[in-house]
Structures are given as structure tokens and as C-alpha cells.
């Protein structure tokens, strides 16, 4: 059950939707050291296309989640790492794009890279794809570590968005070093108020997320959040 739907999803019919971005900030306004590689703005993802709702390769989060992630960033920077962000807030229209893709069982062009062990027919029954995602609540982030000495991503023994047991944080058929790298990220995230997902080493949600029952619909773009809003100004690092 994957973070883009799976365990974090709610399947009820009366889902509360909102287009109000007033409590959201640009992640880089709060965590300027973060590196962004927004996979769903690109075509290098399990769908193979830019995903609906990703208008810019930027990351948005609730101010509460951004504040907590700043503490994580400060923590790992002391150890020689930076945070690299694959995804943060994900609009409902993006999740709906995933659903349409999953129903098109003939479209398997990215299968060798992201789901070689599975057929698309199992994605819904096994919980990999669902109608709603915790990312749409605005306090979930997919990320890894970037080693400032080697100037490369840290080797986690598996790639982001790989569908399978290899992605489970406690998967043991990887090297000791790869496992330790996963734990460095995990321990830093847990220490600053995030909870993990048992199926994905890269996926974390703020424990005290401010909108546990609301799924947001505005697109991922700077225009969705005013950079000089009160929320952003509250959290901007001092000059």
C-alpha cells in the first residue's frame, strides 16, 4: 500500500475537499537548503507523463509540516546531508490522474522501472492506488538524503516510487550501509514529529497534521500560495 494512495488514503464517499491554500507555504521559503526533484512535474515517474496539477516543479506544505521539516533539515545538515524532495502536497486532480492511469491496463511503458514484479490489475486490490491520498492533506512529504561530500543522493538500496517489498523501510535484502542510510533519514524524521509509512522508506506524514480530514484541490505552483502571506512570513528564516 503506497503513500500516493494506500494506507494513507481515505475511501469514504463524503470526502471534504478544499481549494483554500492560505495555510500552505512554499517549502523552499522555509527550508531553503532543500533540493527539489519533483518527479510528478517530470515524465520520470511510474505513469511516464507529467501529472495533472503539477504546474511548476516546486513543493508546497502546510506551515506546520514545513516548520517541522526545517528542524529535520537543520539536524541532517550537521551530519553532512541535505534533504532532497521528490513530492510534498499533491492535489486531488493528480490522484485522479493516477486512478485513470491504473485503470488503463494496457499502458505499461514504465513497468520495467517502477513495477516489474506486478501487473496493473493488482494495483487497486493491493492498495497501491486509491481514490484519495494523504499527500492531498498537505502534511506528507516524500524525500531522501543528499550527501554534500560526494555530491550524490545517498544510496537507499531502492528507488523512489518502486512498487514492491524492496521499498519497505525494514527490507533486509540490501547492504548494511543501505539499511543504515534508510535509518538515518527515518530517525531524523521521527525525531521531529513525523510518522513513517511501513511500505515506503521515503514517505513521512506529520503526526499532528492540521487537516487530517481535508483533501486539497489547488495546483502545485507558486501562484497557489502568496509568497508574502502571513503564513510564509511567519516561517521564513531571518536574513
Foldseek 3Di string as FASTA:
>chain_A
DDQQDFPQHDADPPFAEAADCQQKAFLCLQQVQEAFDAPLCALPAQLRHNFPQAPDRTAMAGLVLSLLVNQLQVVVVVVQKGKYFHYAADALSRLVRVVVSLVPQVRRPNCVPAPVPDGSVCCVVVRVHGNGHNSQLGFKTFIFIAGNVVRGTQQLQDDPRRPDQSFFLPDDPGDPRNNVRLVSSVVSSVVRAWDADRRHSGMIGRPPRPRSRYGYHHGPDCVSYPCPRPSSVVNRDDD
